[in-house]
């Protein structure tokens, strides 16, 4: 397949190709919406977990230093 045939096939979107593209976009959008609806109740919890992890990190390292460099985990 030469470059001319390749560009011709890319630019030649027929009704089946457009329908297929639209169905794929709709399926992807539906999956993204469903995933958001499933994860939505946990977004605030994940945000708080991130804030606590970042803010307590210096405390963890200071306690680790007091214990002689041995971490809990």
Protein backbone atom coordinates (compact mmCIF):
# COMPACT_ATOMS: atom_id res chain seq x y z
CA UNK A 1 0.00 0.00 0.00
CA UNK A 2 1.59 3.27 -1.08
CA UNK A 3 1.15 6.69 0.53
CA UNK A 4 -1.53 7.74 -1.95
CA UNK A 5 -3.74 4.72 -1.14
CA UNK A 6 -3.17 5.21 2.60
CA UNK A 7 -4.22 8.87 2.54
CA UNK A 8 -7.17 7.97 0.33
CA UNK A 9 -8.39 5.35 2.81
CA UNK A 10 -7.95 7.74 5.75
CA UNK A 11 -9.85 10.57 4.09
CA UNK A 12 -12.60 8.31 2.74
CA UNK A 13 -15.02 8.02 5.66
CA UNK A 14 -18.23 6.47 4.49
CA UNK A 15 -21.48 6.17 6.44
CA UNK A 16 -20.41 2.88 8.03
CA UNK A 17 -17.11 4.37 9.19
CA UNK A 18 -18.79 7.45 10.67
CA UNK A 19 -21.43 5.30 12.39
CA UNK A 20 -18.73 3.05 13.80
CA UNK A 21 -16.77 6.06 15.06
CA UNK A 22 -19.85 7.61 16.68
CA UNK A 23 -20.78 4.31 18.35
CA UNK A 24 -17.27 3.94 19.75
CA UNK A 25 -17.32 7.49 21.09
CA UNK A 26 -20.76 6.91 22.64
CA UNK A 27 -19.59 3.64 24.24
CA UNK A 28 -16.50 5.33 25.63
CA UNK A 29 -18.58 8.19 26.98
CA UNK A 30 -21.03 5.77 28.58
CA UNK A 31 -18.21 3.84 30.25
CA UNK A 32 -16.62 7.03 31.54
CA UNK A 33 -19.97 8.20 32.93
CA UNK A 34 -20.57 4.84 34.62
CA UNK A 35 -17.07 4.84 36.14
CA UNK A 36 -17.60 8.37 37.44
CA UNK A 37 -20.93 7.39 39.01
CA UNK A 38 -19.30 4.40 40.71
CA UNK A 39 -16.30 6.38 42.03
CA UNK A 40 -18.17 9.59 42.89
CA UNK A 41 -18.98 8.66 46.52
CA UNK A 42 -15.30 7.98 47.17
CA UNK A 43 -13.81 11.14 45.66
CA UNK A 44 -14.00 13.13 48.89
CA UNK A 45 -12.52 10.21 50.84
CA UNK A 46 -9.63 9.90 48.39
CA UNK A 47 -9.02 13.65 48.59
CA UNK A 48 -8.87 13.52 52.40
CA UNK A 49 -6.54 10.51 52.25
CA UNK A 50 -4.20 12.44 49.97
CA UNK A 51 -4.27 15.51 52.24
CA UNK A 52 -3.56 13.42 55.33
CA UNK A 53 -0.78 11.45 53.64
CA UNK A 54 0.98 14.61 52.51
CA UNK A 55 0.52 16.47 55.78
CA UNK A 56 1.55 13.57 58.04
CA UNK A 57 4.60 12.57 56.01
CA UNK A 58 7.04 14.80 57.99
CA UNK A 59 5.63 13.42 61.25
CA UNK A 60 6.20 9.87 60.02
CA UNK A 61 9.81 10.61 59.14
CA UNK A 62 10.47 12.26 62.50
CA UNK A 63 9.04 9.26 64.36
CA UNK A 64 11.04 6.94 62.11
CA UNK A 65 14.20 8.89 62.96
CA UNK A 66 13.41 8.64 66.70
CA UNK A 67 13.03 4.88 66.36
CA UNK A 68 16.48 4.54 64.86
CA UNK A 69 15.53 4.52 61.20
CA UNK A 70 13.24 1.51 61.39
CA UNK A 71 9.88 2.16 59.83
CA UNK A 72 6.68 0.43 60.76
CA UNK A 73 6.10 -0.74 57.23
